[in-house]
Amino acid sequence: MLMFYQTVIITILLLPTLFFMDLSGLQSQLPFLILLALVTTAIGHSLMLHSLKSFSATTTTIISSLQPIFGIGLAVLFLNEIPNYNTYIGGGLILLTVVIESVRNKK
């Protein structure tokens, strides 16, 4: 139910942007946008909510912080975008935090 309310509120808030956007290239990009929305947002958010049954809210939130790492990986894979040095440091800090929290959660 919470996801439904979030979606409705975001839709209402973002609806005015449709009047100011250039939608000329949308038709060619629509399949990719739908795939991106389903894979990275809908499925990811649903899995995160279901993980609350097994993990605490703190652990789930820290593990969900891996999303930027997955985004960077997908950008490297599909867009040939090479991250800079600061991105590697940030990604390393995120991974270190997730590993520490996972080890701490097992205890």
PDB file of N, CA and C in Angstrom:
ATOM      1  N   MET A   1       0.823  -1.190   0.000  1.00  0.00           N
ATOM      2  CA  MET A   1       0.000   0.000   0.000  1.00  0.00           C
ATOM      3  C   MET A   1       0.867   1.255   0.000  1.00  0.00           C
ATOM      4  N   LEU A   2       1.979   1.178   0.740  1.00  0.00           N
ATOM      5  CA  LEU A   2       2.885   2.316   0.798  1.00  0.00           C
ATOM      6  C   LEU A   2       3.441   2.658  -0.581  1.00  0.00           C
ATOM      7  N   MET A   3       3.811   1.627  -1.353  1.00  0.00           N
ATOM      8  CA  MET A   3       4.325   1.861  -2.697  1.00  0.00           C
ATOM      9  C   MET A   3       3.264   2.514  -3.575  1.00  0.00           C
ATOM     10  N   PHE A   4       2.010   2.127  -3.413  1.00  0.00           N
ATOM     11  CA  PHE A   4       0.927   2.717  -4.190  1.00  0.00           C
ATOM     12  C   PHE A   4       0.808   4.209  -3.891  1.00  0.00           C
ATOM     13  N   TYR A   5       0.837   4.559  -2.607  1.00  0.00           N
ATOM     14  CA  TYR A   5       0.751   5.975  -2.225  1.00  0.00           C
ATOM     15  C   TYR A   5       1.943   6.759  -2.758  1.00  0.00           C
ATOM     16  N   GLN A   6       3.136   6.176  -2.674  1.00  0.00           N
ATOM     17  CA  GLN A   6       4.321   6.847  -3.201  1.00  0.00           C
ATOM     18  C   GLN A   6       4.186   7.101  -4.698  1.00  0.00           C
ATOM     19  N   THR A   7       3.715   6.112  -5.414  1.00  0.00           N
ATOM     20  CA  THR A   7       3.574   6.242  -6.867  1.00  0.00           C
ATOM     21  C   THR A   7       2.549   7.306  -7.226  1.00  0.00           C
ATOM     22  N   VAL A   8       1.427   7.328  -6.537  1.00  0.00           N
ATOM     23  CA  VAL A   8       0.392   8.322  -6.816  1.00  0.00           C
ATOM     24  C   VAL A   8       0.910   9.732  -6.540  1.00  0.00           C
ATOM     25  N   ILE A   9       1.574   9.921  -5.419  1.00  0.00           N
ATOM     26  CA  ILE A   9       2.078  11.255  -5.067  1.00  0.00           C
ATOM     27  C   ILE A   9       3.140  11.722  -6.052  1.00  0.00           C
ATOM     28  N   ILE A  10       4.072  10.838  -6.408  1.00  0.00           N
ATOM     29  CA  ILE A  10       5.113  11.200  -7.376  1.00  0.00           C
ATOM     30  C   ILE A  10       4.503  11.512  -8.736  1.00  0.00           C
ATOM     31  N   THR A  11       3.499  10.738  -9.146  1.00  0.00           N
ATOM     32  CA  THR A  11       2.834  10.987 -10.424  1.00  0.00           C
ATOM     33  C   THR A  11       2.187  12.360 -10.428  1.00  0.00           C
ATOM     34  N   ILE A  12       1.506  12.698  -9.370  1.00  0.00           N
ATOM     35  CA  ILE A  12       0.847  14.007  -9.287  1.00  0.00           C
ATOM     36  C   ILE A  12       1.878  15.135  -9.293  1.00  0.00           C
ATOM     37  N   LEU A  13       2.970  14.954  -8.556  1.00  0.00           N
ATOM     38  CA  LEU A  13       3.986  16.001  -8.495  1.00  0.00           C
ATOM     39  C   LEU A  13       4.731  16.185  -9.810  1.00  0.00           C
ATOM     40  N   LEU A  14       4.955  15.103 -10.538  1.00  0.00           N
ATOM     41  CA  LEU A  14       5.718  15.186 -11.785  1.00  0.00           C
ATOM     42  C   LEU A  14       4.859  15.430 -13.018  1.00  0.00           C
ATOM     43  N   LEU A  15       3.568  15.323 -12.891  1.00  0.00           N
ATOM     44  CA  LEU A  15       2.676  15.507 -14.039  1.00  0.00           C
ATOM     45  C   LEU A  15       2.866  16.852 -14.742  1.00  0.00           C
ATOM     46  N   PRO A  16       3.052  17.961 -14.032  1.00  0.00           N
ATOM     47  CA  PRO A  16       3.252  19.240 -14.732  1.00  0.00           C
ATOM     48  C   PRO A  16       4.493  19.287 -15.618  1.00  0.00           C
ATOM     49  N   THR A  17       5.491  18.454 -15.357  1.00  0.00           N
ATOM     50  CA  THR A  17       6.695  18.479 -16.188  1.00  0.00           C
ATOM     51  C   THR A  17       6.418  17.999 -17.611  1.00  0.00           C
ATOM     52  N   LEU A  18       5.355  17.243 -17.809  1.00  0.00           N
ATOM     53  CA  LEU A  18       5.011  16.786 -19.167  1.00  0.00           C
ATOM     54  C   LEU A  18       4.700  17.946 -20.103  1.00  0.00           C
ATOM     55  N   PHE A  19       4.271  19.064 -19.546  1.00  0.00           N
ATOM     56  CA  PHE A  19       3.930  20.222 -20.378  1.00  0.00           C
ATOM     57  C   PHE A  19       5.165  21.007 -20.790  1.00  0.00           C
ATOM     58  N   PHE A  20       6.289  20.792 -20.128  1.00  0.00           N
ATOM     59  CA  PHE A  20       7.499  21.553 -20.419  1.00  0.00           C
ATOM     60  C   PHE A  20       8.596  20.707 -21.042  1.00  0.00           C
ATOM     61  N   MET A  21       8.402  19.415 -21.167  1.00  0.00           N
ATOM     62  CA  MET A  21       9.426  18.512 -21.690  1.00  0.00           C
ATOM     63  C   MET A  21       9.369  18.416 -23.205  1.00  0.00           C
ATOM     64  N   ASP A  22      10.522  18.146 -23.792  1.00  0.00           N
ATOM     65  CA  ASP A  22      10.592  17.848 -25.221  1.00  0.00           C
ATOM     66  C   ASP A  22      10.418  16.336 -25.375  1.00  0.00           C
ATOM     67  N   LEU A  23       9.282  15.909 -25.890  1.00  0.00           N
ATOM     68  CA  LEU A  23       8.960  14.485 -25.998  1.00  0.00           C
ATOM     69  C   LEU A  23       9.213  13.925 -27.399  1.00  0.00           C
ATOM     70  N   SER A  24       9.999  14.636 -28.210  1.00  0.00           N
ATOM     71  CA  SER A  24      10.198  14.215 -29.592  1.00  0.00           C
ATOM     72  C   SER A  24      10.932  12.881 -29.714  1.00  0.00           C
ATOM     73  N   GLY A  25      11.879  12.597 -28.842  1.00  0.00           N
ATOM     74  CA  GLY A  25      12.634  11.352 -28.949  1.00  0.00           C
ATOM     75  C   GLY A  25      12.116  10.244 -28.054  1.00  0.00           C
ATOM     76  N   LEU A  26      10.971  10.454 -27.453  1.00  0.00           N
ATOM     77  CA  LEU A  26      10.459   9.491 -26.479  1.00  0.00           C
ATOM     78  C   LEU A  26      10.076   8.151 -27.105  1.00  0.00           C
ATOM     79  N   GLN A  27       9.508   8.168 -28.306  1.00  0.00           N
ATOM     80  CA  GLN A  27       9.046   6.923 -28.917  1.00  0.00           C
ATOM     81  C   GLN A  27      10.184   5.944 -29.160  1.00  0.00           C
ATOM     82  N   SER A  28      11.339   6.432 -29.568  1.00  0.00           N
ATOM     83  CA  SER A  28      12.459   5.524 -29.825  1.00  0.00           C
ATOM     84  C   SER A  28      13.084   5.014 -28.530  1.00  0.00           C
ATOM     85  N   GLN A  29      12.929   5.754 -27.449  1.00  0.00           N
ATOM     86  CA  GLN A  29      13.531   5.365 -26.171  1.00  0.00           C
ATOM     87  C   GLN A  29      12.557   4.691 -25.225  1.00  0.00           C
ATOM     88  N   LEU A  30      11.291   4.637 -25.577  1.00  0.00           N
ATOM     89  CA  LEU A  30      10.269   4.114 -24.679  1.00  0.00           C
ATOM     90  C   LEU A  30      10.521   2.672 -24.221  1.00  0.00           C
ATOM     91  N   PRO A  31      10.899   1.738 -25.107  1.00  0.00           N
ATOM     92  CA  PRO A  31      11.157   0.374 -24.622  1.00  0.00           C
ATOM     93  C   PRO A  31      12.280   0.320 -23.583  1.00  0.00           C
ATOM     94  N   PHE A  32      13.319   1.133 -23.788  1.00  0.00           N
ATOM     95  CA  PHE A  32      14.433   1.156 -22.845  1.00  0.00           C
ATOM     96  C   PHE A  32      14.021   1.784 -21.520  1.00  0.00           C
ATOM     97  N   LEU A  33      13.190   2.815 -21.569  1.00  0.00           N
ATOM     98  CA  LEU A  33      12.701   3.446 -20.344  1.00  0.00           C
ATOM     99  C   LEU A  33      11.830   2.488 -19.537  1.00  0.00           C
ATOM    100  N   ILE A  34      10.991   1.739 -20.227  1.00  0.00           N
ATOM    101  CA  ILE A  34      10.131   0.764 -19.536  1.00  0.00           C
ATOM    102  C   ILE A  34      10.986  -0.340 -18.903  1.00  0.00           C
ATOM    103  N   LEU A  35      11.973  -0.827 -19.655  1.00  0.00           N
ATOM    104  CA  LEU A  35      12.875  -1.844 -19.119  1.00  0.00           C
ATOM    105  C   LEU A  35      13.633  -1.313 -17.902  1.00  0.00           C
ATOM    106  N   LEU A  36      14.126  -0.096 -18.004  1.00  0.00           N
ATOM    107  CA  LEU A  36      14.832   0.517 -16.885  1.00  0.00           C
ATOM    108  C   LEU A  36      13.923   0.667 -15.676  1.00  0.00           C
ATOM    109  N   ALA A  37      12.693   1.100 -15.911  1.00  0.00           N
ATOM    110  CA  ALA A  37      11.741   1.278 -14.809  1.00  0.00           C
ATOM    111  C   ALA A  37      11.408  -0.043 -14.141  1.00  0.00           C
ATOM    112  N   LEU A  38      11.213  -1.081 -14.929  1.00  0.00           N
ATOM    113  CA  LEU A  38      10.860  -2.376 -14.351  1.00  0.00           C
ATOM    114  C   LEU A  38      12.021  -3.021 -13.605  1.00  0.00           C
ATOM    115  N   VAL A  39      13.184  -3.055 -14.244  1.00  0.00           N
ATOM    116  CA  VAL A  39      14.311  -3.778 -13.668  1.00  0.00           C
ATOM    117  C   VAL A  39      14.894  -3.055 -12.463  1.00  0.00           C
ATOM    118  N   THR A  40      15.155  -1.765 -12.613  1.00  0.00           N
ATOM    119  CA  THR A  40      15.871  -1.080 -11.534  1.00  0.00           C
ATOM    120  C   THR A  40      14.956  -0.483 -10.477  1.00  0.00           C
ATOM    121  N   THR A  41      13.730  -0.185 -10.815  1.00  0.00           N
ATOM    122  CA  THR A  41      12.875   0.496  -9.847  1.00  0.00           C
ATOM    123  C   THR A  41      11.808  -0.423  -9.284  1.00  0.00           C
ATOM    124  N   ALA A  42      10.941  -0.929 -10.105  1.00  0.00           N
ATOM    125  CA  ALA A  42       9.798  -1.709  -9.617  1.00  0.00           C
ATOM    126  C   ALA A  42      10.246  -3.002  -8.944  1.00  0.00           C
ATOM    127  N   ILE A  43      11.069  -3.766  -9.609  1.00  0.00           N
ATOM    128  CA  ILE A  43      11.514  -5.037  -9.040  1.00  0.00           C
ATOM    129  C   ILE A  43      12.417  -4.787  -7.837  1.00  0.00           C
ATOM    130  N   GLY A  44      13.327  -3.837  -7.967  1.00  0.00           N
ATOM    131  CA  GLY A  44      14.236  -3.534  -6.872  1.00  0.00           C
ATOM    132  C   GLY A  44      13.515  -3.050  -5.627  1.00  0.00           C
ATOM    133  N   HIS A  45      12.545  -2.172  -5.806  1.00  0.00           N
ATOM    134  CA  HIS A  45      11.787  -1.657  -4.665  1.00  0.00           C
ATOM    135  C   HIS A  45      10.953  -2.774  -4.031  1.00  0.00           C
ATOM    136  N   SER A  46      10.345  -3.603  -4.848  1.00  0.00           N
ATOM    137  CA  SER A  46       9.554  -4.718  -4.318  1.00  0.00           C
ATOM    138  C   SER A  46      10.422  -5.694  -3.535  1.00  0.00           C
ATOM    139  N   LEU A  47      11.589  -6.017  -4.069  1.00  0.00           N
ATOM    140  CA  LEU A  47      12.496  -6.917  -3.358  1.00  0.00           C
ATOM    141  C   LEU A  47      12.964  -6.317  -2.036  1.00  0.00           C
ATOM    142  N   MET A  48      13.201  -5.000  -2.044  1.00  0.00           N
ATOM    143  CA  MET A  48      13.616  -4.353  -0.808  1.00  0.00           C
ATOM    144  C   MET A  48      12.515  -4.443   0.254  1.00  0.00           C
ATOM    145  N   LEU A  49      11.277  -4.212  -0.146  1.00  0.00           N
ATOM    146  CA  LEU A  49      10.182  -4.293   0.808  1.00  0.00           C
ATOM    147  C   LEU A  49       9.996  -5.715   1.331  1.00  0.00           C
ATOM    148  N   HIS A  50      10.157  -6.699   0.480  1.00  0.00           N
ATOM    149  CA  HIS A  50      10.034  -8.095   0.917  1.00  0.00           C
ATOM    150  C   HIS A  50      11.200  -8.511   1.814  1.00  0.00           C
ATOM    151  N   SER A  51      12.345  -7.867   1.642  1.00  0.00           N
ATOM    152  CA  SER A  51      13.495  -8.216   2.486  1.00  0.00           C
ATOM    153  C   SER A  51      13.316  -7.749   3.922  1.00  0.00           C
ATOM    154  N   LEU A  52      12.362  -6.842   4.151  1.00  0.00           N
ATOM    155  CA  LEU A  52      12.104  -6.392   5.522  1.00  0.00           C
ATOM    156  C   LEU A  52      11.583  -7.522   6.399  1.00  0.00           C
ATOM    157  N   LYS A  53      11.114  -8.600   5.790  1.00  0.00           N
ATOM    158  CA  LYS A  53      10.671  -9.762   6.563  1.00  0.00           C
ATOM    159  C   LYS A  53      11.862 -10.508   7.170  1.00  0.00           C
ATOM    160  N   SER A  54      13.020 -10.432   6.517  1.00  0.00           N
ATOM    161  CA  SER A  54      14.189 -11.184   6.961  1.00  0.00           C
ATOM    162  C   SER A  54      15.243 -10.326   7.654  1.00  0.00           C
ATOM    163  N   PHE A  55      15.288  -9.045   7.329  1.00  0.00           N
ATOM    164  CA  PHE A  55      16.317  -8.168   7.864  1.00  0.00           C
ATOM    165  C   PHE A  55      15.675  -6.997   8.591  1.00  0.00           C
ATOM    166  N   SER A  56      16.473  -6.330   9.421  1.00  0.00           N
ATOM    167  CA  SER A  56      15.986  -5.119  10.073  1.00  0.00           C
ATOM    168  C   SER A  56      15.939  -3.987   9.052  1.00  0.00           C
ATOM    169  N   ALA A  57      15.243  -2.925   9.393  1.00  0.00           N
ATOM    170  CA  ALA A  57      15.134  -1.777   8.487  1.00  0.00           C
ATOM    171  C   ALA A  57      16.504  -1.162   8.235  1.00  0.00           C
ATOM    172  N   THR A  58      17.354  -1.125   9.247  1.00  0.00           N
ATOM    173  CA  THR A  58      18.699  -0.561   9.084  1.00  0.00           C
ATOM    174  C   THR A  58      19.513  -1.380   8.097  1.00  0.00           C
ATOM    175  N   THR A  59      19.494  -2.684   8.252  1.00  0.00           N
ATOM    176  CA  THR A  59      20.247  -3.558   7.356  1.00  0.00           C
ATOM    177  C   THR A  59      19.721  -3.456   5.930  1.00  0.00           C
ATOM    178  N   THR A  60      18.417  -3.446   5.782  1.00  0.00           N
ATOM    179  CA  THR A  60      17.820  -3.357   4.452  1.00  0.00           C
ATOM    180  C   THR A  60      18.206  -2.050   3.765  1.00  0.00           C
ATOM    181  N   THR A  61      18.194  -0.963   4.508  1.00  0.00           N
ATOM    182  CA  THR A  61      18.549   0.335   3.932  1.00  0.00           C
ATOM    183  C   THR A  61      20.009   0.366   3.510  1.00  0.00           C
ATOM    184  N   ILE A  62      20.883  -0.188   4.331  1.00  0.00           N
ATOM    185  CA  ILE A  62      22.306  -0.191   3.982  1.00  0.00           C
ATOM    186  C   ILE A  62      22.555  -1.073   2.760  1.00  0.00           C
ATOM    187  N   ILE A  63      21.916  -2.224   2.714  1.00  0.00           N
ATOM    188  CA  ILE A  63      22.091  -3.102   1.557  1.00  0.00           C
ATOM    189  C   ILE A  63      21.508  -2.459   0.291  1.00  0.00           C
ATOM    190  N   SER A  64      20.407  -1.719   0.444  1.00  0.00           N
ATOM    191  CA  SER A  64      19.822  -1.062  -0.727  1.00  0.00           C
ATOM    192  C   SER A  64      20.707   0.047  -1.268  1.00  0.00           C
ATOM    193  N   SER A  65      21.681   0.463  -0.482  1.00  0.00           N
ATOM    194  CA  SER A  65      22.613   1.481  -0.968  1.00  0.00           C
ATOM    195  C   SER A  65      23.524   0.937  -2.065  1.00  0.00           C
ATOM    196  N   LEU A  66      23.412  -0.347  -2.367  1.00  0.00           N
ATOM    197  CA  LEU A  66      24.183  -0.938  -3.470  1.00  0.00           C
ATOM    198  C   LEU A  66      23.643  -0.532  -4.842  1.00  0.00           C
ATOM    199  N   GLN A  67      22.488   0.096  -4.873  1.00  0.00           N
ATOM    200  CA  GLN A  67      21.905   0.490  -6.162  1.00  0.00           C
ATOM    201  C   GLN A  67      22.846   1.326  -7.021  1.00  0.00           C
ATOM    202  N   PRO A  68      23.555   2.318  -6.452  1.00  0.00           N
ATOM    203  CA  PRO A  68      24.496   3.061  -7.305  1.00  0.00           C
ATOM    204  C   PRO A  68      25.592   2.179  -7.887  1.00  0.00           C
ATOM    205  N   ILE A  69      26.018   1.175  -7.131  1.00  0.00           N
ATOM    206  CA  ILE A  69      27.056   0.262  -7.630  1.00  0.00           C
ATOM    207  C   ILE A  69      26.528  -0.498  -8.843  1.00  0.00           C
ATOM    208  N   PHE A  70      25.290  -0.977  -8.746  1.00  0.00           N
ATOM    209  CA  PHE A  70      24.689  -1.672  -9.891  1.00  0.00           C
ATOM    210  C   PHE A  70      24.518  -0.727 -11.078  1.00  0.00           C
ATOM    211  N   GLY A  71      24.123   0.510 -10.807  1.00  0.00           N
ATOM    212  CA  GLY A  71      23.979   1.502 -11.871  1.00  0.00           C
ATOM    213  C   GLY A  71      25.295   1.783 -12.573  1.00  0.00           C
ATOM    214  N   ILE A  72      26.355   1.889 -11.794  1.00  0.00           N
ATOM    215  CA  ILE A  72      27.688   2.109 -12.376  1.00  0.00           C
ATOM    216  C   ILE A  72      28.091   0.914 -13.221  1.00  0.00           C
ATOM    217  N   GLY A  73      27.841  -0.284 -12.701  1.00  0.00           N
ATOM    218  CA  GLY A  73      28.168  -1.497 -13.460  1.00  0.00           C
ATOM    219  C   GLY A  73      27.412  -1.580 -14.775  1.00  0.00           C
ATOM    220  N   LEU A  74      26.130  -1.231 -14.738  1.00  0.00           N
ATOM    221  CA  LEU A  74      25.335  -1.242 -15.971  1.00  0.00           C
ATOM    222  C   LEU A  74      25.814  -0.173 -16.947  1.00  0.00           C
ATOM    223  N   ALA A  75      26.226   0.982 -16.428  1.00  0.00           N
ATOM    224  CA  ALA A  75      26.744   2.041 -17.306  1.00  0.00           C
ATOM    225  C   ALA A  75      28.035   1.601 -17.977  1.00  0.00           C
ATOM    226  N   VAL A  76      28.883   0.906 -17.236  1.00  0.00           N
ATOM    227  CA  VAL A  76      30.125   0.403 -17.825  1.00  0.00           C
ATOM    228  C   VAL A  76      29.806  -0.650 -18.884  1.00  0.00           C
ATOM    229  N   LEU A  77      28.874  -1.529 -18.564  1.00  0.00           N
ATOM    230  CA  LEU A  77      28.551  -2.640 -19.457  1.00  0.00           C
ATOM    231  C   LEU A  77      27.856  -2.180 -20.742  1.00  0.00           C
ATOM    232  N   PHE A  78      26.838  -1.336 -20.598  1.00  0.00           N
ATOM    233  CA  PHE A  78      26.023  -0.982 -21.756  1.00  0.00           C
ATOM    234  C   PHE A  78      26.423   0.326 -22.436  1.00  0.00           C
ATOM    235  N   LEU A  79      26.999   1.260 -21.698  1.00  0.00           N
ATOM    236  CA  LEU A  79      27.304   2.571 -22.259  1.00  0.00           C
ATOM    237  C   LEU A  79      28.796   2.821 -22.444  1.00  0.00           C
ATOM    238  N   ASN A  80      29.618   1.842 -22.048  1.00  0.00           N
ATOM    239  CA  ASN A  80      31.074   1.986 -22.117  1.00  0.00           C
ATOM    240  C   ASN A  80      31.559   3.228 -21.373  1.00  0.00           C
ATOM    241  N   GLU A  81      30.886   3.573 -20.296  1.00  0.00           N
ATOM    242  CA  GLU A  81      31.259   4.727 -19.490  1.00  0.00           C
ATOM    243  C   GLU A  81      32.226   4.272 -18.403  1.00  0.00           C
ATOM    244  N   ILE A  82      33.390   4.877 -18.364  1.00  0.00           N
ATOM    245  CA  ILE A  82      34.420   4.496 -17.408  1.00  0.00           C
ATOM    246  C   ILE A  82      34.339   5.445 -16.208  1.00  0.00           C
ATOM    247  N   PRO A  83      34.136   4.897 -15.008  1.00  0.00           N
ATOM    248  CA  PRO A  83      34.049   5.752 -13.824  1.00  0.00           C
ATOM    249  C   PRO A  83      35.400   6.372 -13.482  1.00  0.00           C
ATOM    250  N   ASN A  84      35.361   7.552 -12.844  1.00  0.00           N
ATOM    251  CA  ASN A  84      36.614   8.193 -12.431  1.00  0.00           C
ATOM    252  C   ASN A  84      37.048   7.675 -11.057  1.00  0.00           C
ATOM    253  N   TYR A  85      38.161   8.173 -10.590  1.00  0.00           N
ATOM    254  CA  TYR A  85      38.778   7.698  -9.346  1.00  0.00           C
ATOM    255  C   TYR A  85      37.852   7.894  -8.146  1.00  0.00           C
ATOM    256  N   ASN A  86      37.184   9.036  -8.064  1.00  0.00           N
ATOM    257  CA  ASN A  86      36.280   9.309  -6.936  1.00  0.00           C
ATOM    258  C   ASN A  86      35.110   8.324  -6.906  1.00  0.00           C
ATOM    259  N   THR A  87      34.664   7.892  -8.053  1.00  0.00           N
ATOM    260  CA  THR A  87      33.573   6.926  -8.114  1.00  0.00           C
ATOM    261  C   THR A  87      34.013   5.587  -7.532  1.00  0.00           C
ATOM    262  N   TYR A  88      35.238   5.195  -7.824  1.00  0.00           N
ATOM    263  CA  TYR A  88      35.761   3.949  -7.249  1.00  0.00           C
ATOM    264  C   TYR A  88      35.868   4.049  -5.727  1.00  0.00           C
ATOM    265  N   ILE A  89      36.304   5.198  -5.229  1.00  0.00           N
ATOM    266  CA  ILE A  89      36.415   5.381  -3.780  1.00  0.00           C
ATOM    267  C   ILE A  89      35.029   5.310  -3.139  1.00  0.00           C
ATOM    268  N   GLY A  90      34.056   6.011  -3.722  1.00  0.00           N
ATOM    269  CA  GLY A  90      32.687   5.982  -3.196  1.00  0.00           C
ATOM    270  C   GLY A  90      32.094   4.586  -3.240  1.00  0.00           C
ATOM    271  N   GLY A  91      32.290   3.895  -4.346  1.00  0.00           N
ATOM    272  CA  GLY A  91      31.792   2.526  -4.467  1.00  0.00           C
ATOM    273  C   GLY A  91      32.444   1.596  -3.465  1.00  0.00           C
ATOM    274  N   GLY A  92      33.741   1.788  -3.251  1.00  0.00           N
ATOM    275  CA  GLY A  92      34.439   0.976  -2.259  1.00  0.00           C
ATOM    276  C   GLY A  92      33.913   1.214  -0.850  1.00  0.00           C
ATOM    277  N   LEU A  93      33.626   2.470  -0.527  1.00  0.00           N
ATOM    278  CA  LEU A  93      33.058   2.780   0.791  1.00  0.00           C
ATOM    279  C   LEU A  93      31.678   2.156   0.967  1.00  0.00           C
ATOM    280  N   ILE A  94      30.873   2.199  -0.088  1.00  0.00           N
ATOM    281  CA  ILE A  94      29.544   1.587  -0.026  1.00  0.00           C
ATOM    282  C   ILE A  94      29.668   0.081   0.185  1.00  0.00           C
ATOM    283  N   LEU A  95      30.538  -0.563  -0.595  1.00  0.00           N
ATOM    284  CA  LEU A  95      30.725  -2.011  -0.450  1.00  0.00           C
ATOM    285  C   LEU A  95      31.266  -2.375   0.927  1.00  0.00           C
ATOM    286  N   LEU A  96      32.199  -1.592   1.443  1.00  0.00           N
ATOM    287  CA  LEU A  96      32.749  -1.846   2.770  1.00  0.00           C
ATOM    288  C   LEU A  96      31.662  -1.745   3.837  1.00  0.00           C
ATOM    289  N   THR A  97      30.806  -0.749   3.718  1.00  0.00           N
ATOM    290  CA  THR A  97      29.713  -0.578   4.674  1.00  0.00           C
ATOM    291  C   THR A  97      28.756  -1.757   4.619  1.00  0.00           C
ATOM    292  N   VAL A  98      28.432  -2.207   3.430  1.00  0.00           N
ATOM    293  CA  VAL A  98      27.517  -3.339   3.282  1.00  0.00           C
ATOM    294  C   VAL A  98      28.124  -4.610   3.874  1.00  0.00           C
ATOM    295  N   VAL A  99      29.404  -4.839   3.621  1.00  0.00           N
ATOM    296  CA  VAL A  99      30.058  -6.031   4.168  1.00  0.00           C
ATOM    297  C   VAL A  99      30.092  -5.973   5.692  1.00  0.00           C
ATOM    298  N   ILE A 100      30.456  -4.823   6.246  1.00  0.00           N
ATOM    299  CA  ILE A 100      30.495  -4.685   7.706  1.00  0.00           C
ATOM    300  C   ILE A 100      29.120  -4.924   8.304  1.00  0.00           C
ATOM    301  N   GLU A 101      28.088  -4.353   7.712  1.00  0.00           N
ATOM    302  CA  GLU A 101      26.729  -4.537   8.231  1.00  0.00           C
ATOM    303  C   GLU A 101      26.269  -5.981   8.100  1.00  0.00           C
ATOM    304  N   SER A 102      26.644  -6.645   7.003  1.00  0.00           N
ATOM    305  CA  SER A 102      26.274  -8.050   6.832  1.00  0.00           C
ATOM    306  C   SER A 102      26.938  -8.931   7.888  1.00  0.00           C
ATOM    307  N   VAL A 103      28.203  -8.692   8.159  1.00  0.00           N
ATOM    308  CA  VAL A 103      28.920  -9.464   9.181  1.00  0.00           C
ATOM    309  C   VAL A 103      28.316  -9.171  10.557  1.00  0.00           C
ATOM    310  N   ARG A 104      28.037  -7.899  10.812  1.00  0.00           N
ATOM    311  CA  ARG A 104      27.458  -7.519  12.100  1.00  0.00           C
ATOM    312  C   ARG A 104      26.068  -8.123  12.291  1.00  0.00           C
ATOM    313  N   ASN A 105      25.307  -8.238  11.207  1.00  0.00           N
ATOM    314  CA  ASN A 105      23.950  -8.787  11.274  1.00  0.00           C
ATOM    315  C   ASN A 105      23.971 -10.292  11.572  1.00  0.00           C
ATOM    316  N   LYS A 106      24.992 -11.004  11.098  1.00  0.00           N
ATOM    317  CA  LYS A 106      25.086 -12.446  11.336  1.00  0.00           C
ATOM    318  C   LYS A 106      25.362 -12.766  12.799  1.00  0.00           C
ATOM    319  N   LYS A 107      26.010 -11.835  13.480  1.00  0.00           N
ATOM    320  CA  LYS A 107      26.330 -12.043  14.900  1.00  0.00           C
ATOM    321  C   LYS A 107      25.100 -11.786  15.702  1.00  0.00           C
TER     322      LYS A 107
END
